[in-house]
PDB file of N, CA and C in Angstrom:
ATOM      1  N   MET A   1       0.857  -1.176   0.000  1.00  0.00           N
ATOM      2  CA  MET A   1       0.000   0.000   0.000  1.00  0.00           C
ATOM      3  C   MET A   1       0.891   1.223   0.000  1.00  0.00           C
ATOM      4  N   GLN A   2       0.636   2.087  -0.947  1.00  0.00           N
ATOM      5  CA  GLN A   2       1.316   3.373  -0.995  1.00  0.00           C
ATOM      6  C   GLN A   2       0.254   4.463  -0.846  1.00  0.00           C
ATOM      7  N   ALA A   3       0.604   5.536  -0.189  1.00  0.00           N
ATOM      8  CA  ALA A   3      -0.288   6.694  -0.104  1.00  0.00           C
ATOM      9  C   ALA A   3       0.549   7.939  -0.393  1.00  0.00           C
ATOM     10  N   LYS A   4       0.060   8.754  -1.307  1.00  0.00           N
ATOM     11  CA  LYS A   4       0.786   9.951  -1.728  1.00  0.00           C
ATOM     12  C   LYS A   4      -0.152  11.152  -1.709  1.00  0.00           C
ATOM     13  N   SER A   5       0.426  12.323  -1.513  1.00  0.00           N
ATOM     14  CA  SER A   5      -0.382  13.541  -1.558  1.00  0.00           C
ATOM     15  C   SER A   5       0.393  14.628  -2.278  1.00  0.00           C
ATOM     16  N   GLY A   6      -0.330  15.674  -2.619  1.00  0.00           N
ATOM     17  CA  GLY A   6       0.303  16.801  -3.291  1.00  0.00           C
ATOM     18  C   GLY A   6       0.943  16.390  -4.595  1.00  0.00           C
ATOM     19  N   SER A   7       2.188  16.819  -4.793  1.00  0.00           N
ATOM     20  CA  SER A   7       2.878  16.517  -6.046  1.00  0.00           C
ATOM     21  C   SER A   7       3.629  15.187  -6.004  1.00  0.00           C
ATOM     22  N   ASP A   8       3.577  14.472  -4.846  1.00  0.00           N
ATOM     23  CA  ASP A   8       4.213  13.153  -4.767  1.00  0.00           C
ATOM     24  C   ASP A   8       3.522  12.205  -5.735  1.00  0.00           C
ATOM     25  N   GLU A   9       4.311  11.345  -6.363  1.00  0.00           N
ATOM     26  CA  GLU A   9       3.767  10.391  -7.318  1.00  0.00           C
ATOM     27  C   GLU A   9       3.940   8.969  -6.814  1.00  0.00           C
ATOM     28  N   ILE A  10       3.039   8.109  -7.223  1.00  0.00           N
ATOM     29  CA  ILE A  10       3.126   6.700  -6.875  1.00  0.00           C
ATOM     30  C   ILE A  10       4.342   6.116  -7.575  1.00  0.00           C
ATOM     31  N   GLY A  11       5.188   5.427  -6.808  1.00  0.00           N
ATOM     32  CA  GLY A  11       6.433   4.899  -7.347  1.00  0.00           C
ATOM     33  C   GLY A  11       6.266   3.508  -7.924  1.00  0.00           C
ATOM     34  N   ILE A  12       6.549   3.371  -9.203  1.00  0.00           N
ATOM     35  CA  ILE A  12       6.441   2.087  -9.884  1.00  0.00           C
ATOM     36  C   ILE A  12       7.433   1.085  -9.287  1.00  0.00           C
ATOM     37  N   VAL A  13       8.650   1.529  -9.010  1.00  0.00           N
ATOM     38  CA  VAL A  13       9.667   0.637  -8.457  1.00  0.00           C
ATOM     39  C   VAL A  13       9.218   0.131  -7.094  1.00  0.00           C
ATOM     40  N   GLN A  14       8.709   1.025  -6.257  1.00  0.00           N
ATOM     41  CA  GLN A  14       8.247   0.618  -4.932  1.00  0.00           C
ATOM     42  C   GLN A  14       7.085  -0.371  -5.052  1.00  0.00           C
ATOM     43  N   ALA A  15       6.145  -0.106  -5.936  1.00  0.00           N
ATOM     44  CA  ALA A  15       4.997  -1.003  -6.124  1.00  0.00           C
ATOM     45  C   ALA A  15       5.468  -2.379  -6.582  1.00  0.00           C
ATOM     46  N   ARG A  16       6.415  -2.408  -7.492  1.00  0.00           N
ATOM     47  CA  ARG A  16       6.972  -3.667  -7.995  1.00  0.00           C
ATOM     48  C   ARG A  16       7.642  -4.434  -6.844  1.00  0.00           C
ATOM     49  N   GLN A  17       8.411  -3.716  -6.020  1.00  0.00           N
ATOM     50  CA  GLN A  17       9.080  -4.343  -4.880  1.00  0.00           C
ATOM     51  C   GLN A  17       8.058  -4.858  -3.858  1.00  0.00           C
ATOM     52  N   ASP A  18       7.007  -4.090  -3.612  1.00  0.00           N
ATOM     53  CA  ASP A  18       5.966  -4.505  -2.669  1.00  0.00           C
ATOM     54  C   ASP A  18       5.331  -5.820  -3.113  1.00  0.00           C
ATOM     55  N   LEU A  19       4.998  -5.922  -4.397  1.00  0.00           N
ATOM     56  CA  LEU A  19       4.386  -7.142  -4.913  1.00  0.00           C
ATOM     57  C   LEU A  19       5.356  -8.315  -4.830  1.00  0.00           C
ATOM     58  N   ALA A  20       6.636  -8.076  -5.094  1.00  0.00           N
ATOM     59  CA  ALA A  20       7.638  -9.146  -5.032  1.00  0.00           C
ATOM     60  C   ALA A  20       7.802  -9.651  -3.599  1.00  0.00           C
ATOM     61  N   VAL A  21       7.832  -8.747  -2.630  1.00  0.00           N
ATOM     62  CA  VAL A  21       7.954  -9.148  -1.224  1.00  0.00           C
ATOM     63  C   VAL A  21       6.737  -9.961  -0.800  1.00  0.00           C
ATOM     64  N   CYS A  22       5.558  -9.509  -1.178  1.00  0.00           N
ATOM     65  CA  CYS A  22       4.333 -10.249  -0.840  1.00  0.00           C
ATOM     66  C   CYS A  22       4.353 -11.645  -1.460  1.00  0.00           C
ATOM     67  N   ALA A  23       4.767 -11.739  -2.704  1.00  0.00           N
ATOM     68  CA  ALA A  23       4.824 -13.040  -3.379  1.00  0.00           C
ATOM     69  C   ALA A  23       5.813 -13.972  -2.681  1.00  0.00           C
ATOM     70  N   ALA A  24       6.923 -13.427  -2.214  1.00  0.00           N
ATOM     71  CA  ALA A  24       7.935 -14.246  -1.545  1.00  0.00           C
ATOM     72  C   ALA A  24       7.490 -14.671  -0.146  1.00  0.00           C
ATOM     73  N   LYS A  25       6.895 -13.758   0.601  1.00  0.00           N
ATOM     74  CA  LYS A  25       6.506 -14.050   1.985  1.00  0.00           C
ATOM     75  C   LYS A  25       5.196 -14.813   2.095  1.00  0.00           C
ATOM     76  N   PHE A  26       4.303 -14.595   1.135  1.00  0.00           N
ATOM     77  CA  PHE A  26       2.966 -15.182   1.202  1.00  0.00           C
ATOM     78  C   PHE A  26       2.660 -15.902  -0.112  1.00  0.00           C
ATOM     79  N   SER A  27       3.468 -16.898  -0.419  1.00  0.00           N
ATOM     80  CA  SER A  27       3.382 -17.555  -1.725  1.00  0.00           C
ATOM     81  C   SER A  27       2.050 -18.251  -1.972  1.00  0.00           C
ATOM     82  N   GLY A  28       1.301 -18.555  -0.935  1.00  0.00           N
ATOM     83  CA  GLY A  28       0.014 -19.209  -1.108  1.00  0.00           C
ATOM     84  C   GLY A  28      -1.126 -18.254  -1.401  1.00  0.00           C
ATOM     85  N   PHE A  29      -0.830 -16.977  -1.475  1.00  0.00           N
ATOM     86  CA  PHE A  29      -1.858 -15.957  -1.692  1.00  0.00           C
ATOM     87  C   PHE A  29      -1.583 -15.164  -2.962  1.00  0.00           C
ATOM     88  N   ILE A  30      -2.578 -14.473  -3.429  1.00  0.00           N
ATOM     89  CA  ILE A  30      -2.421 -13.577  -4.581  1.00  0.00           C
ATOM     90  C   ILE A  30      -2.281 -12.158  -4.046  1.00  0.00           C
ATOM     91  N   ALA A  31      -1.157 -11.528  -4.328  1.00  0.00           N
ATOM     92  CA  ALA A  31      -0.915 -10.154  -3.874  1.00  0.00           C
ATOM     93  C   ALA A  31      -1.694  -9.177  -4.742  1.00  0.00           C
ATOM     94  N   ARG A  32      -2.277  -8.183  -4.101  1.00  0.00           N
ATOM     95  CA  ARG A  32      -2.979  -7.126  -4.830  1.00  0.00           C
ATOM     96  C   ARG A  32      -2.385  -5.795  -4.379  1.00  0.00           C
ATOM     97  N   GLY A  33      -1.688  -5.134  -5.285  1.00  0.00           N
ATOM     98  CA  GLY A  33      -1.079  -3.854  -4.974  1.00  0.00           C
ATOM     99  C   GLY A  33      -2.133  -2.759  -4.931  1.00  0.00           C
ATOM    100  N   VAL A  34      -2.059  -1.933  -3.895  1.00  0.00           N
ATOM    101  CA  VAL A  34      -3.025  -0.851  -3.723  1.00  0.00           C
ATOM    102  C   VAL A  34      -2.265   0.445  -3.470  1.00  0.00           C
ATOM    103  N   ALA A  35      -2.716   1.515  -4.096  1.00  0.00           N
ATOM    104  CA  ALA A  35      -2.125   2.834  -3.880  1.00  0.00           C
ATOM    105  C   ALA A  35      -3.243   3.858  -3.751  1.00  0.00           C
ATOM    106  N   ALA A  36      -2.983   4.876  -2.955  1.00  0.00           N
ATOM    107  CA  ALA A  36      -3.946   5.965  -2.768  1.00  0.00           C
ATOM    108  C   ALA A  36      -3.262   7.280  -3.106  1.00  0.00           C
ATOM    109  N   GLN A  37      -3.978   8.142  -3.799  1.00  0.00           N
ATOM    110  CA  GLN A  37      -3.468   9.466  -4.160  1.00  0.00           C
ATOM    111  C   GLN A  37      -4.496  10.495  -3.727  1.00  0.00           C
ATOM    112  N   PHE A  38      -4.082  11.416  -2.860  1.00  0.00           N
ATOM    113  CA  PHE A  38      -4.975  12.490  -2.451  1.00  0.00           C
ATOM    114  C   PHE A  38      -4.954  13.551  -3.534  1.00  0.00           C
ATOM    115  N   MET A  39      -6.148  13.952  -3.979  1.00  0.00           N
ATOM    116  CA  MET A  39      -6.277  14.849  -5.122  1.00  0.00           C
ATOM    117  C   MET A  39      -6.914  16.167  -4.710  1.00  0.00           C
ATOM    118  N   ALA A  40      -6.926  17.105  -5.630  1.00  0.00           N
ATOM    119  CA  ALA A  40      -7.562  18.398  -5.397  1.00  0.00           C
ATOM    120  C   ALA A  40      -9.058  18.203  -5.170  1.00  0.00           C
ATOM    121  N   GLY A  41      -9.654  19.132  -4.452  1.00  0.00           N
ATOM    122  CA  GLY A  41     -11.093  19.099  -4.238  1.00  0.00           C
ATOM    123  C   GLY A  41     -11.539  18.063  -3.229  1.00  0.00           C
ATOM    124  N   GLY A  42     -10.592  17.549  -2.422  1.00  0.00           N
ATOM    125  CA  GLY A  42     -10.948  16.587  -1.393  1.00  0.00           C
ATOM    126  C   GLY A  42     -11.182  15.180  -1.887  1.00  0.00           C
ATOM    127  N   LEU A  43     -10.797  14.890  -3.130  1.00  0.00           N
ATOM    128  CA  LEU A  43     -10.969  13.544  -3.659  1.00  0.00           C
ATOM    129  C   LEU A  43      -9.785  12.654  -3.289  1.00  0.00           C
ATOM    130  N   ILE A  44     -10.057  11.366  -3.181  1.00  0.00           N
ATOM    131  CA  ILE A  44      -9.024  10.359  -2.980  1.00  0.00           C
ATOM    132  C   ILE A  44      -9.169   9.345  -4.107  1.00  0.00           C
ATOM    133  N   ALA A  45      -8.089   9.108  -4.821  1.00  0.00           N
ATOM    134  CA  ALA A  45      -8.086   8.088  -5.872  1.00  0.00           C
ATOM    135  C   ALA A  45      -7.443   6.834  -5.307  1.00  0.00           C
ATOM    136  N   LEU A  46      -8.129   5.694  -5.448  1.00  0.00           N
ATOM    137  CA  LEU A  46      -7.569   4.408  -5.058  1.00  0.00           C
ATOM    138  C   LEU A  46      -7.286   3.610  -6.324  1.00  0.00           C
ATOM    139  N   PHE A  47      -6.109   3.035  -6.378  1.00  0.00           N
ATOM    140  CA  PHE A  47      -5.674   2.271  -7.542  1.00  0.00           C
ATOM    141  C   PHE A  47      -5.364   0.841  -7.133  1.00  0.00           C
ATOM    142  N   GLU A  48      -5.760  -0.108  -7.955  1.00  0.00           N
ATOM    143  CA  GLU A  48      -5.270  -1.466  -7.818  1.00  0.00           C
ATOM    144  C   GLU A  48      -4.191  -1.629  -8.888  1.00  0.00           C
ATOM    145  N   LEU A  49      -2.998  -2.007  -8.458  1.00  0.00           N
ATOM    146  CA  LEU A  49      -1.852  -2.134  -9.354  1.00  0.00           C
ATOM    147  C   LEU A  49      -1.520  -3.602  -9.557  1.00  0.00           C
ATOM    148  N   GLY A  50      -1.009  -3.914 -10.717  1.00  0.00           N
ATOM    149  CA  GLY A  50      -0.613  -5.291 -10.994  1.00  0.00           C
ATOM    150  C   GLY A  50       0.405  -5.356 -12.101  1.00  0.00           C
ATOM    151  N   LEU A  51       0.972  -6.534 -12.251  1.00  0.00           N
ATOM    152  CA  LEU A  51       1.937  -6.766 -13.330  1.00  0.00           C
ATOM    153  C   LEU A  51       1.223  -7.422 -14.495  1.00  0.00           C
ATOM    154  N   GLN A  52       1.459  -6.879 -15.667  1.00  0.00           N
ATOM    155  CA  GLN A  52       0.883  -7.420 -16.890  1.00  0.00           C
ATOM    156  C   GLN A  52       1.985  -7.425 -17.940  1.00  0.00           C
ATOM    157  N   ASP A  53       2.399  -8.611 -18.367  1.00  0.00           N
ATOM    158  CA  ASP A  53       3.516  -8.739 -19.308  1.00  0.00           C
ATOM    159  C   ASP A  53       4.751  -8.012 -18.784  1.00  0.00           C
ATOM    160  N   ALA A  54       5.035  -8.206 -17.495  1.00  0.00           N
ATOM    161  CA  ALA A  54       6.199  -7.621 -16.804  1.00  0.00           C
ATOM    162  C   ALA A  54       6.132  -6.105 -16.666  1.00  0.00           C
ATOM    163  N   GLU A  55       5.006  -5.496 -17.000  1.00  0.00           N
ATOM    164  CA  GLU A  55       4.817  -4.046 -16.850  1.00  0.00           C
ATOM    165  C   GLU A  55       3.858  -3.778 -15.701  1.00  0.00           C
ATOM    166  N   MET A  56       4.144  -2.748 -14.897  1.00  0.00           N
ATOM    167  CA  MET A  56       3.240  -2.341 -13.835  1.00  0.00           C
ATOM    168  C   MET A  56       2.101  -1.543 -14.468  1.00  0.00           C
ATOM    169  N   VAL A  57       0.875  -1.966 -14.204  1.00  0.00           N
ATOM    170  CA  VAL A  57      -0.289  -1.299 -14.792  1.00  0.00           C
ATOM    171  C   VAL A  57      -1.334  -1.032 -13.714  1.00  0.00           C
ATOM    172  N   VAL A  58      -2.176  -0.054 -13.990  1.00  0.00           N
ATOM    173  CA  VAL A  58      -3.326   0.218 -13.134  1.00  0.00           C
ATOM    174  C   VAL A  58      -4.450  -0.699 -13.607  1.00  0.00           C
ATOM    175  N   LEU A  59      -4.847  -1.629 -12.739  1.00  0.00           N
ATOM    176  CA  LEU A  59      -5.912  -2.559 -13.076  1.00  0.00           C
ATOM    177  C   LEU A  59      -7.289  -1.941 -12.853  1.00  0.00           C
ATOM    178  N   ARG A  60      -7.359  -1.072 -11.833  1.00  0.00           N
ATOM    179  CA  ARG A  60      -8.635  -0.430 -11.529  1.00  0.00           C
ATOM    180  C   ARG A  60      -8.374   0.879 -10.801  1.00  0.00           C
ATOM    181  N   GLU A  61      -9.200   1.862 -11.066  1.00  0.00           N
ATOM    182  CA  GLU A  61      -9.097   3.178 -10.419  1.00  0.00           C
ATOM    183  C   GLU A  61     -10.491   3.628 -10.016  1.00  0.00           C
ATOM    184  N   GLN A  62     -10.618   4.051  -8.764  1.00  0.00           N
ATOM    185  CA  GLN A  62     -11.894   4.575  -8.251  1.00  0.00           C
ATOM    186  C   GLN A  62     -11.603   5.862  -7.495  1.00  0.00           C
ATOM    187  N   HIS A  63     -12.517   6.816  -7.574  1.00  0.00           N
ATOM    188  CA  HIS A  63     -12.366   8.080  -6.853  1.00  0.00           C
ATOM    189  C   HIS A  63     -13.424   8.162  -5.758  1.00  0.00           C
ATOM    190  N   TYR A  64     -13.010   8.671  -4.594  1.00  0.00           N
ATOM    191  CA  TYR A  64     -13.892   8.778  -3.439  1.00  0.00           C
ATOM    192  C   TYR A  64     -13.749  10.163  -2.816  1.00  0.00           C
ATOM    193  N   ARG A  65     -14.778  10.553  -2.106  1.00  0.00           N
ATOM    194  CA  ARG A  65     -14.745  11.788  -1.325  1.00  0.00           C
ATOM    195  C   ARG A  65     -15.166  11.441   0.091  1.00  0.00           C
ATOM    196  N   LEU A  66     -14.326  11.775   1.058  1.00  0.00           N
ATOM    197  CA  LEU A  66     -14.689  11.552   2.449  1.00  0.00           C
ATOM    198  C   LEU A  66     -15.690  12.620   2.876  1.00  0.00           C
ATOM    199  N   VAL A  67     -16.734  12.199   3.540  1.00  0.00           N
ATOM    200  CA  VAL A  67     -17.768  13.123   4.011  1.00  0.00           C
ATOM    201  C   VAL A  67     -18.050  12.836   5.481  1.00  0.00           C
ATOM    202  N   PRO A  68     -18.584  13.812   6.192  1.00  0.00           N
ATOM    203  CA  PRO A  68     -18.960  13.562   7.586  1.00  0.00           C
ATOM    204  C   PRO A  68     -20.043  12.479   7.652  1.00  0.00           C
ATOM    205  N   ALA A  69     -19.993  11.640   8.680  1.00  0.00           N
ATOM    206  CA  ALA A  69     -20.963  10.549   8.828  1.00  0.00           C
ATOM    207  C   ALA A  69     -22.393  11.068   8.801  1.00  0.00           C
ATOM    208  N   ALA A  70     -22.607  12.245   9.325  1.00  0.00           N
ATOM    209  CA  ALA A  70     -23.964  12.820   9.372  1.00  0.00           C
ATOM    210  C   ALA A  70     -24.512  13.102   7.978  1.00  0.00           C
ATOM    211  N   ASP A  71     -23.637  13.224   6.986  1.00  0.00           N
ATOM    212  CA  ASP A  71     -24.073  13.503   5.612  1.00  0.00           C
ATOM    213  C   ASP A  71     -24.468  12.239   4.839  1.00  0.00           C
ATOM    214  N   ILE A  72     -24.261  11.072   5.424  1.00  0.00           N
ATOM    215  CA  ILE A  72     -24.592   9.817   4.744  1.00  0.00           C
ATOM    216  C   ILE A  72     -26.019   9.427   5.109  1.00  0.00           C
ATOM    217  N   THR A  73     -26.856   9.308   4.098  1.00  0.00           N
ATOM    218  CA  THR A  73     -28.271   9.013   4.325  1.00  0.00           C
ATOM    219  C   THR A  73     -28.507   7.495   4.399  1.00  0.00           C
ATOM    220  N   ASP A  74     -29.682   7.112   4.876  1.00  0.00           N
ATOM    221  CA  ASP A  74     -30.048   5.699   4.889  1.00  0.00           C
ATOM    222  C   ASP A  74     -30.074   5.145   3.462  1.00  0.00           C
ATOM    223  N   ARG A  75     -30.490   5.965   2.511  1.00  0.00           N
ATOM    224  CA  ARG A  75     -30.502   5.546   1.102  1.00  0.00           C
ATOM    225  C   ARG A  75     -29.082   5.262   0.618  1.00  0.00           C
ATOM    226  N   ASP A  76     -28.124   6.124   0.998  1.00  0.00           N
ATOM    227  CA  ASP A  76     -26.717   5.893   0.653  1.00  0.00           C
ATOM    228  C   ASP A  76     -26.241   4.558   1.215  1.00  0.00           C
ATOM    229  N   ARG A  77     -26.543   4.309   2.489  1.00  0.00           N
ATOM    230  CA  ARG A  77     -26.114   3.067   3.138  1.00  0.00           C
ATOM    231  C   ARG A  77     -26.691   1.848   2.425  1.00  0.00           C
ATOM    232  N   ALA A  78     -27.959   1.920   2.058  1.00  0.00           N
ATOM    233  CA  ALA A  78     -28.607   0.802   1.359  1.00  0.00           C
ATOM    234  C   ALA A  78     -27.942   0.566   0.001  1.00  0.00           C
ATOM    235  N   PHE A  79     -27.641   1.648  -0.713  1.00  0.00           N
ATOM    236  CA  PHE A  79     -26.980   1.531  -2.018  1.00  0.00           C
ATOM    237  C   PHE A  79     -25.622   0.849  -1.880  1.00  0.00           C
ATOM    238  N   TYR A  80     -24.793   1.321  -0.939  1.00  0.00           N
ATOM    239  CA  TYR A  80     -23.454   0.773  -0.785  1.00  0.00           C
ATOM    240  C   TYR A  80     -23.472  -0.650  -0.242  1.00  0.00           C
ATOM    241  N   ARG A  81     -24.470  -0.981   0.554  1.00  0.00           N
ATOM    242  CA  ARG A  81     -24.597  -2.349   1.055  1.00  0.00           C
ATOM    243  C   ARG A  81     -24.781  -3.309  -0.120  1.00  0.00           C
ATOM    244  N   VAL A  82     -25.614  -2.924  -1.086  1.00  0.00           N
ATOM    245  CA  VAL A  82     -25.852  -3.746  -2.275  1.00  0.00           C
ATOM    246  C   VAL A  82     -24.651  -3.696  -3.212  1.00  0.00           C
ATOM    247  N   ALA A  83     -24.116  -2.499  -3.458  1.00  0.00           N
ATOM    248  CA  ALA A  83     -23.008  -2.334  -4.413  1.00  0.00           C
ATOM    249  C   ALA A  83     -21.758  -3.062  -3.948  1.00  0.00           C
ATOM    250  N   VAL A  84     -21.423  -2.945  -2.690  1.00  0.00           N
ATOM    251  CA  VAL A  84     -20.202  -3.578  -2.168  1.00  0.00           C
ATOM    252  C   VAL A  84     -20.409  -5.082  -2.064  1.00  0.00           C
ATOM    253  N   GLY A  85     -21.593  -5.501  -1.707  1.00  0.00           N
ATOM    254  CA  GLY A  85     -21.872  -6.929  -1.594  1.00  0.00           C
ATOM    255  C   GLY A  85     -21.805  -7.667  -2.913  1.00  0.00           C
ATOM    256  N   SER A  86     -21.979  -6.939  -4.032  1.00  0.00           N
ATOM    257  CA  SER A  86     -21.985  -7.593  -5.343  1.00  0.00           C
ATOM    258  C   SER A  86     -20.612  -7.614  -6.001  1.00  0.00           C
ATOM    259  N   ASP A  87     -19.612  -6.961  -5.405  1.00  0.00           N
ATOM    260  CA  ASP A  87     -18.276  -6.888  -6.010  1.00  0.00           C
ATOM    261  C   ASP A  87     -17.480  -8.123  -5.757  1.00  0.00           C
TER     262      ASP A  87
END
């Protein structure tokens, strides 16, 4: 897991090393590289990183905004309960 903010960039070398260490230490599991980038406007981008043909690639990217718990409605909770349960 890498987390970066401002002008810091996600390091490909570090991500590659993280996946290699996980593969060596936990050979019975599938490693999933994750990185977070704090963006302008209060957004957070989460990336799933992986190796594809020996190249580090972004397998999936999602953007989120943290909000106060009081701003989350029952309808929001119901939506995410279904959406997350189906992934």
